[in-house]
Amino acid sequence: MACVMGRERDDFSGRYTTEFPLSDFIEAVEEMGLASTQDVADEVECSYDLAYRRLKELQQESEIEGKKIGNTYHWKPVSE
């Protein structure tokens, strides 16, 4: 398997084999304090769609807070 930008790629299929752990998304939101879905996708280096799905999952699990402002979702760490 070849390794590209920290992610493994299957030599036969060319597909990436590693997934992005939820902790990557939590860390990105915590580092930025308030971030759009695109900000998180850029930080984690994944697609917008994947970032949105993971962030919504984390919101449902009360790991982060999310709010739609206009046409953009913004995410922040859970207030304590």
PDB file of N, CA and C in Angstrom:
ATOM      1  N   MET A   1       0.834  -1.187   0.000  1.00  0.00           N
ATOM      2  CA  MET A   1       0.000   0.000   0.000  1.00  0.00           C
ATOM      3  C   MET A   1       0.877   1.248   0.000  1.00  0.00           C
ATOM      4  N   ALA A   2       0.510   2.188  -0.819  1.00  0.00           N
ATOM      5  CA  ALA A   2       1.211   3.463  -0.876  1.00  0.00           C
ATOM      6  C   ALA A   2       0.594   4.400   0.153  1.00  0.00           C
ATOM      7  N   CYS A   3       1.383   5.326   0.639  1.00  0.00           N
ATOM      8  CA  CYS A   3       0.891   6.290   1.620  1.00  0.00           C
ATOM      9  C   CYS A   3       0.965   7.676   0.990  1.00  0.00           C
ATOM     10  N   VAL A   4      -0.174   8.366   0.922  1.00  0.00           N
ATOM     11  CA  VAL A   4      -0.252   9.686   0.335  1.00  0.00           C
ATOM     12  C   VAL A   4      -0.851  10.635   1.358  1.00  0.00           C
ATOM     13  N   MET A   5      -0.115  11.710   1.706  1.00  0.00           N
ATOM     14  CA  MET A   5      -0.601  12.718   2.645  1.00  0.00           C
ATOM     15  C   MET A   5      -1.117  12.097   3.939  1.00  0.00           C
ATOM     16  N   GLY A   6      -0.426  11.076   4.436  1.00  0.00           N
ATOM     17  CA  GLY A   6      -0.816  10.475   5.698  1.00  0.00           C
ATOM     18  C   GLY A   6      -1.936   9.470   5.592  1.00  0.00           C
ATOM     19  N   ARG A   7      -2.434   9.230   4.364  1.00  0.00           N
ATOM     20  CA  ARG A   7      -3.514   8.270   4.181  1.00  0.00           C
ATOM     21  C   ARG A   7      -3.010   7.146   3.293  1.00  0.00           C
ATOM     22  N   GLU A   8      -3.429   5.946   3.586  1.00  0.00           N
ATOM     23  CA  GLU A   8      -2.988   4.798   2.811  1.00  0.00           C
ATOM     24  C   GLU A   8      -3.874   4.596   1.598  1.00  0.00           C
ATOM     25  N   ARG A   9      -3.247   4.227   0.487  1.00  0.00           N
ATOM     26  CA  ARG A   9      -3.976   3.970  -0.742  1.00  0.00           C
ATOM     27  C   ARG A   9      -3.686   2.537  -1.167  1.00  0.00           C
ATOM     28  N   ASP A  10      -4.725   1.794  -1.469  1.00  0.00           N
ATOM     29  CA  ASP A  10      -4.576   0.426  -1.925  1.00  0.00           C
ATOM     30  C   ASP A  10      -3.914   0.441  -3.303  1.00  0.00           C
ATOM     31  N   ASP A  11      -2.795  -0.287  -3.456  1.00  0.00           N
ATOM     32  CA  ASP A  11      -2.062  -0.297  -4.718  1.00  0.00           C
ATOM     33  C   ASP A  11      -2.878  -0.882  -5.866  1.00  0.00           C
ATOM     34  N   PHE A  12      -3.742  -1.820  -5.585  1.00  0.00           N
ATOM     35  CA  PHE A  12      -4.522  -2.469  -6.628  1.00  0.00           C
ATOM     36  C   PHE A  12      -5.686  -1.601  -7.106  1.00  0.00           C
ATOM     37  N   SER A  13      -6.500  -1.112  -6.166  1.00  0.00           N
ATOM     38  CA  SER A  13      -7.700  -0.365  -6.547  1.00  0.00           C
ATOM     39  C   SER A  13      -7.458   1.137  -6.655  1.00  0.00           C
ATOM     40  N   GLY A  14      -6.432   1.631  -5.978  1.00  0.00           N
ATOM     41  CA  GLY A  14      -6.173   3.066  -5.957  1.00  0.00           C
ATOM     42  C   GLY A  14      -7.031   3.828  -4.967  1.00  0.00           C
ATOM     43  N   ARG A  15      -7.887   3.121  -4.249  1.00  0.00           N
ATOM     44  CA  ARG A  15      -8.769   3.764  -3.274  1.00  0.00           C
ATOM     45  C   ARG A  15      -8.047   3.954  -1.951  1.00  0.00           C
ATOM     46  N   TYR A  16      -8.446   5.013  -1.247  1.00  0.00           N
ATOM     47  CA  TYR A  16      -7.924   5.217   0.097  1.00  0.00           C
ATOM     48  C   TYR A  16      -8.545   4.185   1.019  1.00  0.00           C
ATOM     49  N   THR A  17      -7.746   3.627   1.898  1.00  0.00           N
ATOM     50  CA  THR A  17      -8.227   2.566   2.767  1.00  0.00           C
ATOM     51  C   THR A  17      -8.481   3.038   4.193  1.00  0.00           C
ATOM     52  N   THR A  18      -7.919   4.149   4.577  1.00  0.00           N
ATOM     53  CA  THR A  18      -8.127   4.613   5.949  1.00  0.00           C
ATOM     54  C   THR A  18      -9.327   5.542   6.011  1.00  0.00           C
ATOM     55  N   GLU A  19      -9.995   5.514   7.118  1.00  0.00           N
ATOM     56  CA  GLU A  19     -11.121   6.397   7.336  1.00  0.00           C
ATOM     57  C   GLU A  19     -10.688   7.530   8.241  1.00  0.00           C
ATOM     58  N   PHE A  20     -11.473   8.549   8.268  1.00  0.00           N
ATOM     59  CA  PHE A  20     -11.198   9.688   9.138  1.00  0.00           C
ATOM     60  C   PHE A  20     -11.905   9.456  10.464  1.00  0.00           C
ATOM     61  N   PRO A  21     -11.155   9.337  11.556  1.00  0.00           N
ATOM     62  CA  PRO A  21     -11.798   9.119  12.856  1.00  0.00           C
ATOM     63  C   PRO A  21     -12.583  10.355  13.298  1.00  0.00           C
ATOM     64  N   LEU A  22     -13.637  10.136  14.047  1.00  0.00           N
ATOM     65  CA  LEU A  22     -14.445  11.245  14.548  1.00  0.00           C
ATOM     66  C   LEU A  22     -13.615  12.222  15.368  1.00  0.00           C
ATOM     67  N   SER A  23     -12.586  11.709  16.031  1.00  0.00           N
ATOM     68  CA  SER A  23     -11.752  12.589  16.851  1.00  0.00           C
ATOM     69  C   SER A  23     -11.083  13.674  16.008  1.00  0.00           C
ATOM     70  N   ASP A  24     -10.800  13.410  14.722  1.00  0.00           N
ATOM     71  CA  ASP A  24     -10.222  14.431  13.841  1.00  0.00           C
ATOM     72  C   ASP A  24     -11.167  15.616  13.693  1.00  0.00           C
ATOM     73  N   PHE A  25     -12.455  15.339  13.609  1.00  0.00           N
ATOM     74  CA  PHE A  25     -13.444  16.396  13.428  1.00  0.00           C
ATOM     75  C   PHE A  25     -13.644  17.178  14.722  1.00  0.00           C
ATOM     76  N   ILE A  26     -13.651  16.476  15.846  1.00  0.00           N
ATOM     77  CA  ILE A  26     -13.775  17.147  17.142  1.00  0.00           C
ATOM     78  C   ILE A  26     -12.579  18.070  17.366  1.00  0.00           C
ATOM     79  N   GLU A  27     -11.386  17.568  17.109  1.00  0.00           N
ATOM     80  CA  GLU A  27     -10.166  18.371  17.284  1.00  0.00           C
ATOM     81  C   GLU A  27     -10.180  19.603  16.392  1.00  0.00           C
ATOM     82  N   ALA A  28     -10.621  19.455  15.152  1.00  0.00           N
ATOM     83  CA  ALA A  28     -10.667  20.595  14.235  1.00  0.00           C
ATOM     84  C   ALA A  28     -11.604  21.678  14.767  1.00  0.00           C
ATOM     85  N   VAL A  29     -12.778  21.280  15.239  1.00  0.00           N
ATOM     86  CA  VAL A  29     -13.739  22.248  15.776  1.00  0.00           C
ATOM     87  C   VAL A  29     -13.171  22.896  17.035  1.00  0.00           C
ATOM     88  N   GLU A  30     -12.567  22.112  17.910  1.00  0.00           N
ATOM     89  CA  GLU A  30     -11.999  22.667  19.142  1.00  0.00           C
ATOM     90  C   GLU A  30     -10.877  23.657  18.844  1.00  0.00           C
ATOM     91  N   GLU A  31     -10.036  23.357  17.862  1.00  0.00           N
ATOM     92  CA  GLU A  31      -8.927  24.249  17.517  1.00  0.00           C
ATOM     93  C   GLU A  31      -9.424  25.581  16.951  1.00  0.00           C
ATOM     94  N   MET A  32     -10.490  25.536  16.155  1.00  0.00           N
ATOM     95  CA  MET A  32     -10.998  26.754  15.517  1.00  0.00           C
ATOM     96  C   MET A  32     -11.983  27.511  16.391  1.00  0.00           C
ATOM     97  N   GLY A  33     -12.616  26.831  17.325  1.00  0.00           N
ATOM     98  CA  GLY A  33     -13.590  27.488  18.193  1.00  0.00           C
ATOM     99  C   GLY A  33     -14.953  27.638  17.556  1.00  0.00           C
ATOM    100  N   LEU A  34     -15.024  28.168  16.362  1.00  0.00           N
ATOM    101  CA  LEU A  34     -16.246  28.275  15.572  1.00  0.00           C
ATOM    102  C   LEU A  34     -15.834  28.055  14.131  1.00  0.00           C
ATOM    103  N   ALA A  35     -16.430  27.078  13.482  1.00  0.00           N
ATOM    104  CA  ALA A  35     -15.979  26.711  12.144  1.00  0.00           C
ATOM    105  C   ALA A  35     -17.147  26.316  11.262  1.00  0.00           C
ATOM    106  N   SER A  36     -17.048  26.661   9.996  1.00  0.00           N
ATOM    107  CA  SER A  36     -18.040  26.205   9.026  1.00  0.00           C
ATOM    108  C   SER A  36     -17.698  24.770   8.636  1.00  0.00           C
ATOM    109  N   THR A  37     -18.636  24.115   7.986  1.00  0.00           N
ATOM    110  CA  THR A  37     -18.380  22.755   7.517  1.00  0.00           C
ATOM    111  C   THR A  37     -17.184  22.742   6.576  1.00  0.00           C
ATOM    112  N   GLN A  38     -17.088  23.745   5.690  1.00  0.00           N
ATOM    113  CA  GLN A  38     -15.964  23.799   4.749  1.00  0.00           C
ATOM    114  C   GLN A  38     -14.649  24.001   5.480  1.00  0.00           C
ATOM    115  N   ASP A  39     -14.643  24.814   6.542  1.00  0.00           N
ATOM    116  CA  ASP A  39     -13.426  25.005   7.342  1.00  0.00           C
ATOM    117  C   ASP A  39     -12.941  23.667   7.902  1.00  0.00           C
ATOM    118  N   VAL A  40     -13.875  22.893   8.429  1.00  0.00           N
ATOM    119  CA  VAL A  40     -13.518  21.597   9.011  1.00  0.00           C
ATOM    120  C   VAL A  40     -13.038  20.645   7.926  1.00  0.00           C
ATOM    121  N   ALA A  41     -13.739  20.617   6.793  1.00  0.00           N
ATOM    122  CA  ALA A  41     -13.321  19.748   5.687  1.00  0.00           C
ATOM    123  C   ALA A  41     -11.909  20.088   5.238  1.00  0.00           C
ATOM    124  N   ASP A  42     -11.597  21.361   5.144  1.00  0.00           N
ATOM    125  CA  ASP A  42     -10.255  21.789   4.753  1.00  0.00           C
ATOM    126  C   ASP A  42      -9.216  21.371   5.783  1.00  0.00           C
ATOM    127  N   GLU A  43      -9.548  21.523   7.050  1.00  0.00           N
ATOM    128  CA  GLU A  43      -8.611  21.173   8.129  1.00  0.00           C
ATOM    129  C   GLU A  43      -8.344  19.673   8.176  1.00  0.00           C
ATOM    130  N   VAL A  44      -9.384  18.873   8.027  1.00  0.00           N
ATOM    131  CA  VAL A  44      -9.261  17.418   8.110  1.00  0.00           C
ATOM    132  C   VAL A  44      -8.760  16.825   6.778  1.00  0.00           C
ATOM    133  N   GLU A  45      -8.878  17.620   5.716  1.00  0.00           N
ATOM    134  CA  GLU A  45      -8.497  17.200   4.365  1.00  0.00           C
ATOM    135  C   GLU A  45      -9.397  16.081   3.849  1.00  0.00           C
ATOM    136  N   CYS A  46     -10.711  16.344   3.948  1.00  0.00           N
ATOM    137  CA  CYS A  46     -11.707  15.410   3.428  1.00  0.00           C
ATOM    138  C   CYS A  46     -12.724  16.196   2.615  1.00  0.00           C
ATOM    139  N   SER A  47     -13.680  15.504   2.032  1.00  0.00           N
ATOM    140  CA  SER A  47     -14.709  16.176   1.240  1.00  0.00           C
ATOM    141  C   SER A  47     -15.685  16.916   2.159  1.00  0.00           C
ATOM    142  N   TYR A  48     -16.363  17.890   1.573  1.00  0.00           N
ATOM    143  CA  TYR A  48     -17.377  18.635   2.309  1.00  0.00           C
ATOM    144  C   TYR A  48     -18.472  17.685   2.790  1.00  0.00           C
ATOM    145  N   ASP A  49     -18.921  16.794   1.903  1.00  0.00           N
ATOM    146  CA  ASP A  49     -20.005  15.873   2.254  1.00  0.00           C
ATOM    147  C   ASP A  49     -19.644  14.981   3.429  1.00  0.00           C
ATOM    148  N   LEU A  50     -18.424  14.453   3.431  1.00  0.00           N
ATOM    149  CA  LEU A  50     -17.991  13.607   4.541  1.00  0.00           C
ATOM    150  C   LEU A  50     -17.933  14.420   5.836  1.00  0.00           C
ATOM    151  N   ALA A  51     -17.381  15.617   5.764  1.00  0.00           N
ATOM    152  CA  ALA A  51     -17.303  16.467   6.956  1.00  0.00           C
ATOM    153  C   ALA A  51     -18.700  16.750   7.497  1.00  0.00           C
ATOM    154  N   TYR A  52     -19.635  17.086   6.606  1.00  0.00           N
ATOM    155  CA  TYR A  52     -21.000  17.384   7.047  1.00  0.00           C
ATOM    156  C   TYR A  52     -21.629  16.183   7.745  1.00  0.00           C
ATOM    157  N   ARG A  53     -21.490  15.000   7.153  1.00  0.00           N
ATOM    158  CA  ARG A  53     -22.070  13.795   7.765  1.00  0.00           C
ATOM    159  C   ARG A  53     -21.463  13.527   9.138  1.00  0.00           C
ATOM    160  N   ARG A  54     -20.150  13.630   9.249  1.00  0.00           N
ATOM    161  CA  ARG A  54     -19.488  13.370  10.540  1.00  0.00           C
ATOM    162  C   ARG A  54     -19.873  14.420  11.579  1.00  0.00           C
ATOM    163  N   LEU A  55     -19.938  15.680  11.167  1.00  0.00           N
ATOM    164  CA  LEU A  55     -20.291  16.745  12.106  1.00  0.00           C
ATOM    165  C   LEU A  55     -21.734  16.604  12.584  1.00  0.00           C
ATOM    166  N   LYS A  56     -22.647  16.237  11.688  1.00  0.00           N
ATOM    167  CA  LYS A  56     -24.031  16.008  12.113  1.00  0.00           C
ATOM    168  C   LYS A  56     -24.104  14.843  13.092  1.00  0.00           C
ATOM    169  N   GLU A  57     -23.331  13.800  12.843  1.00  0.00           N
ATOM    170  CA  GLU A  57     -23.284  12.658  13.756  1.00  0.00           C
ATOM    171  C   GLU A  57     -22.787  13.091  15.133  1.00  0.00           C
ATOM    172  N   LEU A  58     -21.745  13.896  15.163  1.00  0.00           N
ATOM    173  CA  LEU A  58     -21.204  14.387  16.433  1.00  0.00           C
ATOM    174  C   LEU A  58     -22.191  15.306  17.137  1.00  0.00           C
ATOM    175  N   GLN A  59     -22.947  16.077  16.368  1.00  0.00           N
ATOM    176  CA  GLN A  59     -23.970  16.939  16.967  1.00  0.00           C
ATOM    177  C   GLN A  59     -25.060  16.087  17.618  1.00  0.00           C
ATOM    178  N   GLN A  60     -25.481  15.032  16.944  1.00  0.00           N
ATOM    179  CA  GLN A  60     -26.519  14.153  17.499  1.00  0.00           C
ATOM    180  C   GLN A  60     -26.041  13.454  18.765  1.00  0.00           C
ATOM    181  N   GLU A  61     -24.743  13.219  18.859  1.00  0.00           N
ATOM    182  CA  GLU A  61     -24.166  12.584  20.044  1.00  0.00           C
ATOM    183  C   GLU A  61     -23.779  13.608  21.108  1.00  0.00           C
ATOM    184  N   SER A  62     -24.131  14.877  20.884  1.00  0.00           N
ATOM    185  CA  SER A  62     -23.839  15.987  21.805  1.00  0.00           C
ATOM    186  C   SER A  62     -22.348  16.181  22.043  1.00  0.00           C
ATOM    187  N   GLU A  63     -21.522  15.856  21.050  1.00  0.00           N
ATOM    188  CA  GLU A  63     -20.075  16.064  21.151  1.00  0.00           C
ATOM    189  C   GLU A  63     -19.696  17.477  20.721  1.00  0.00           C
ATOM    190  N   ILE A  64     -20.484  18.063  19.806  1.00  0.00           N
ATOM    191  CA  ILE A  64     -20.293  19.432  19.345  1.00  0.00           C
ATOM    192  C   ILE A  64     -21.672  20.066  19.180  1.00  0.00           C
ATOM    193  N   GLU A  65     -21.688  21.398  19.027  1.00  0.00           N
ATOM    194  CA  GLU A  65     -22.928  22.113  18.775  1.00  0.00           C
ATOM    195  C   GLU A  65     -22.900  22.649  17.350  1.00  0.00           C
ATOM    196  N   GLY A  66     -24.051  22.650  16.710  1.00  0.00           N
ATOM    197  CA  GLY A  66     -24.134  23.163  15.352  1.00  0.00           C
ATOM    198  C   GLY A  66     -25.339  24.057  15.180  1.00  0.00           C
ATOM    199  N   LYS A  67     -25.185  25.041  14.293  1.00  0.00           N
ATOM    200  CA  LYS A  67     -26.285  25.959  14.029  1.00  0.00           C
ATOM    201  C   LYS A  67     -26.186  26.401  12.577  1.00  0.00           C
ATOM    202  N   LYS A  68     -27.335  26.427  11.903  1.00  0.00           N
ATOM    203  CA  LYS A  68     -27.369  26.891  10.528  1.00  0.00           C
ATOM    204  C   LYS A  68     -27.563  28.403  10.530  1.00  0.00           C
ATOM    205  N   ILE A  69     -26.644  29.092   9.900  1.00  0.00           N
ATOM    206  CA  ILE A  69     -26.715  30.547   9.775  1.00  0.00           C
ATOM    207  C   ILE A  69     -26.728  30.848   8.280  1.00  0.00           C
ATOM    208  N   GLY A  70     -27.855  31.315   7.785  1.00  0.00           N
ATOM    209  CA  GLY A  70     -28.000  31.501   6.336  1.00  0.00           C
ATOM    210  C   GLY A  70     -27.982  30.147   5.664  1.00  0.00           C
ATOM    211  N   ASN A  71     -27.077  29.950   4.742  1.00  0.00           N
ATOM    212  CA  ASN A  71     -26.948  28.672   4.041  1.00  0.00           C
ATOM    213  C   ASN A  71     -25.778  27.846   4.551  1.00  0.00           C
ATOM    214  N   THR A  72     -25.187  28.250   5.660  1.00  0.00           N
ATOM    215  CA  THR A  72     -23.972  27.609   6.144  1.00  0.00           C
ATOM    216  C   THR A  72     -24.154  27.095   7.567  1.00  0.00           C
ATOM    217  N   TYR A  73     -23.712  25.865   7.800  1.00  0.00           N
ATOM    218  CA  TYR A  73     -23.682  25.338   9.160  1.00  0.00           C
ATOM    219  C   TYR A  73     -22.381  25.778   9.819  1.00  0.00           C
ATOM    220  N   HIS A  74     -22.499  26.182  11.073  1.00  0.00           N
ATOM    221  CA  HIS A  74     -21.326  26.536  11.877  1.00  0.00           C
ATOM    222  C   HIS A  74     -21.305  25.613  13.093  1.00  0.00           C
ATOM    223  N   TRP A  75     -20.129  25.200  13.467  1.00  0.00           N
ATOM    224  CA  TRP A  75     -19.922  24.215  14.529  1.00  0.00           C
ATOM    225  C   TRP A  75     -19.020  24.800  15.596  1.00  0.00           C
ATOM    226  N   LYS A  76     -19.289  24.424  16.838  1.00  0.00           N
ATOM    227  CA  LYS A  76     -18.437  24.863  17.945  1.00  0.00           C
ATOM    228  C   LYS A  76     -18.412  23.781  19.006  1.00  0.00           C
ATOM    229  N   PRO A  77     -17.394  23.847  19.880  1.00  0.00           N
ATOM    230  CA  PRO A  77     -17.342  22.873  20.975  1.00  0.00           C
ATOM    231  C   PRO A  77     -18.564  23.019  21.878  1.00  0.00           C
ATOM    232  N   VAL A  78     -18.903  21.958  22.550  1.00  0.00           N
ATOM    233  CA  VAL A  78     -20.030  21.967  23.478  1.00  0.00           C
ATOM    234  C   VAL A  78     -19.692  22.877  24.643  1.00  0.00           C
ATOM    235  N   SER A  79     -20.629  23.774  24.976  1.00  0.00           N
ATOM    236  CA  SER A  79     -20.448  24.657  26.134  1.00  0.00           C
ATOM    237  C   SER A  79     -20.576  23.855  27.402  1.00  0.00           C
ATOM    238  N   GLU A  80     -19.723  24.130  28.347  1.00  0.00           N
ATOM    239  CA  GLU A  80     -19.783  23.406  29.621  1.00  0.00           C
ATOM    240  C   GLU A  80     -20.394  24.225  30.686  1.00  0.00           C
TER     241      GLU A  80
END
